[in-house]
Protein backbone atom coordinates (compact mmCIF):
# COMPACT_ATOMS: atom_id res chain seq x y z
CA MET A 1 -12.04 8.72 19.24
CA GLU A 2 -10.52 11.89 17.96
CA ALA A 3 -7.47 12.60 15.82
CA ARG A 4 -4.56 14.40 17.49
CA ILE A 5 -4.48 16.96 14.68
CA GLN A 6 -5.89 17.18 11.20
CA ASN A 7 -3.93 15.10 8.73
CA PRO A 8 -0.83 17.05 7.63
CA ALA A 9 -1.77 16.28 4.02
CA ILE A 10 -4.79 18.55 4.56
CA THR A 11 -3.06 21.14 6.80
CA ILE A 12 0.05 21.87 4.75
CA PRO A 13 -0.85 23.76 1.58
CA GLY A 14 -0.11 21.71 -1.54
CA LEU A 15 0.89 18.54 0.30
CA PHE A 16 -2.25 16.57 -0.54
CA ASP A 17 -1.89 17.40 -4.20
CA ALA A 18 1.77 16.47 -4.13
CA LEU A 19 1.07 13.13 -2.46
CA GLN A 20 -1.73 12.42 -4.96
CA ALA A 21 0.65 13.32 -7.80
CA LEU A 22 3.16 10.82 -6.45
CA GLY A 23 0.62 8.05 -6.82
CA VAL A 24 -0.70 9.25 -10.18
CA ALA A 25 2.81 9.63 -11.67
CA SER A 26 3.39 5.88 -11.65
CA ASN A 27 -0.11 4.78 -12.62
CA GLY A 28 0.62 4.06 -16.29
CA GLU A 29 3.70 1.94 -15.74
CA GLY A 30 2.23 -1.53 -16.04
CA LEU A 31 1.27 -2.16 -12.43
CA SER A 32 -2.35 -3.26 -12.19
CA LYS A 33 -4.91 -1.60 -9.94
CA GLU A 34 -5.32 -4.93 -8.19
CA ILE A 35 -1.65 -5.15 -7.27
CA ARG A 36 -1.66 -1.52 -6.14
CA GLU A 37 -4.59 -2.17 -3.81
CA LEU A 38 -3.06 -5.40 -2.47
CA VAL A 39 0.24 -3.67 -1.80
CA ALA A 40 -1.56 -0.77 -0.02
CA LEU A 41 -3.56 -3.19 2.07
CA ARG A 42 -0.63 -5.41 3.03
CA ALA A 43 1.58 -2.51 4.06
CA SER A 44 -1.32 -1.00 5.99
CA GLN A 45 -1.91 -4.35 7.74
CA ILE A 46 1.74 -4.48 8.80
CA ASN A 47 1.77 -0.86 9.95
CA GLY A 48 -1.66 -1.05 11.59
CA CYS A 49 -3.14 1.89 9.70
CA SER A 50 -6.89 1.65 10.11
CA VAL A 51 -7.55 4.63 7.84
CA CYS A 52 -5.68 3.07 4.90
CA LEU A 53 -7.14 -0.40 5.58
CA ASP A 54 -10.61 1.09 5.49
CA MET A 55 -9.94 3.12 2.35
CA HIS A 56 -8.07 0.49 0.36
CA THR A 57 -10.46 -2.35 1.24
CA ARG A 58 -13.25 -0.20 -0.16
CA GLY A 59 -11.10 0.59 -3.21
CA ALA A 60 -10.30 -3.09 -3.74
CA LYS A 61 -13.94 -4.03 -3.54
CA LYS A 62 -14.82 -1.24 -5.95
CA ILE A 63 -12.51 -2.65 -8.63
CA GLY A 64 -13.94 -6.17 -8.10
CA GLU A 65 -11.50 -7.72 -5.60
CA SER A 66 -12.89 -10.97 -4.16
CA ASP A 67 -13.65 -11.51 -0.48
CA GLU A 68 -11.42 -14.59 -0.44
CA ARG A 69 -8.40 -12.58 -1.46
CA LEU A 70 -9.13 -9.81 0.98
CA PHE A 71 -9.81 -12.24 3.82
CA THR A 72 -6.57 -14.12 3.28
CA LEU A 73 -4.22 -11.28 2.29
CA ALA A 74 -2.32 -11.39 5.61
CA ALA A 75 -1.61 -15.08 4.89
CA TRP A 76 -0.93 -14.68 1.16
CA ARG A 77 1.92 -17.23 1.25
CA ASP A 78 -0.48 -19.97 2.30
CA ALA A 79 -3.54 -18.93 0.31
CA PRO A 80 -4.14 -20.24 -3.23
CA TYR A 81 -5.71 -16.99 -4.48
CA PHE A 82 -2.63 -15.02 -5.55
CA SER A 83 -0.60 -15.11 -8.77
CA ASP A 84 3.20 -15.32 -8.89
CA ALA A 85 3.41 -11.62 -9.73
CA GLU A 86 1.16 -10.70 -6.81
CA ARG A 87 3.22 -12.88 -4.45
CA ALA A 88 6.42 -11.18 -5.66
CA ALA A 89 4.84 -7.75 -5.12
CA LEU A 90 3.61 -8.71 -1.65
CA ALA A 91 7.01 -10.10 -0.63
CA LEU A 92 8.68 -6.87 -1.74
CA THR A 93 6.00 -4.88 0.07
CA GLU A 94 6.68 -6.72 3.32
CA ALA A 95 10.44 -6.35 2.99
CA ALA A 96 10.30 -2.64 2.12
CA THR A 97 7.80 -1.97 4.88
CA ARG A 98 9.82 -3.75 7.56
CA LEU A 99 13.20 -2.18 6.75
CA SER A 100 14.56 -2.23 10.31
CA ASP A 101 13.50 -5.81 11.10
CA ARG A 102 16.57 -7.46 9.60
CA SER A 103 20.14 -6.68 8.63
CA ASN A 104 19.43 -7.29 4.93
CA PRO A 105 15.98 -5.70 4.62
CA VAL A 106 15.38 -6.45 0.94
CA PRO A 107 17.19 -9.73 0.22
CA ASP A 108 18.29 -10.39 -3.35
CA ASP A 109 15.87 -13.28 -3.74
CA VAL A 110 12.92 -11.01 -2.95
CA TRP A 111 14.18 -8.32 -5.32
CA ASN A 112 15.03 -10.81 -8.07
CA ASP A 113 11.60 -12.43 -7.84
CA ALA A 114 9.97 -9.03 -8.22
CA ALA A 115 12.27 -8.16 -11.14
CA LYS A 116 11.38 -11.49 -12.78
CA ASN A 117 7.67 -10.61 -12.64
CA PHE A 118 7.79 -6.92 -13.53
CA ASP A 119 9.66 -4.94 -16.15
CA GLU A 120 11.70 -1.98 -14.97
CA PRO A 121 8.93 0.68 -15.27
CA ALA A 122 6.46 -1.52 -13.42
CA LEU A 123 9.06 -2.42 -10.80
CA ALA A 124 9.79 1.28 -10.28
CA ALA A 125 6.04 1.91 -9.96
CA LEU A 126 5.83 -0.86 -7.39
CA VAL A 127 8.65 0.63 -5.32
CA VAL A 128 6.96 4.06 -5.45
CA THR A 129 3.56 2.52 -4.53
CA ILE A 130 5.11 0.81 -1.52
CA ALA A 131 6.89 4.00 -0.45
CA ALA A 132 3.78 6.11 -0.88
CA ILE A 133 1.49 3.86 1.19
CA ASN A 134 4.10 3.69 3.95
CA LEU A 135 4.17 7.51 3.97
CA TRP A 136 0.36 7.72 4.17
CA ASN A 137 0.39 5.07 6.95
CA ARG A 138 2.83 7.11 8.97
CA LEU A 139 0.95 10.39 8.50
CA ASN A 140 -2.27 8.74 9.63
CA ILE A 141 -0.85 6.77 12.55
CA VAL A 142 1.35 9.47 14.04
CA THR A 143 -1.48 12.02 14.01
CA GLY A 144 -4.11 9.53 15.21
CA GLN A 145 -6.42 9.72 12.20
CA ILE A 146 -9.64 7.78 12.60
CA ALA A 147 -10.85 5.15 10.13
CA GLY A 148 -13.95 6.38 8.32
CA GLY A 149 -13.22 10.01 9.06
CA TRP A 150 -11.73 10.50 5.60
CA THR A 151 -15.03 9.57 3.97
CA ALA A 152 -16.74 12.62 5.52
CA GLN A 153 -13.97 14.91 4.23
CA TRP A 154 -14.49 13.83 0.63
CA ALA A 155 -18.26 13.39 0.63
């Protein structure tokens, strides 16, 4: 397997730093590392981004995420391992990742549930986290990036 081109985040001067800054900017807004990793993993599962699945599974394990939660993330609605706040974040992640799948992509009940579980700064951070991982997924998938290849770049 070989990527079509190098990741644009590496090729375009300043882009990697800008994308990293996007993620860092919302870090202190009350959204836990665990929720950030779950959101990144769920969006990456939906989009089929092997690079992000590889990277964020490693990240989740590094911060102590359990195997049970990682194994059942795709079926979070039916698994007993997730809190109400995590479920709200995952529902919003799915809605915001699948924008073209329905006429009302982010229904009020999904938004209201997220708003009930997160204050406005954390909710804003959640929206940015979802948008950022979807951007990374698209950069990786369109250019054919290979899972595991990123580890060699940063070693």
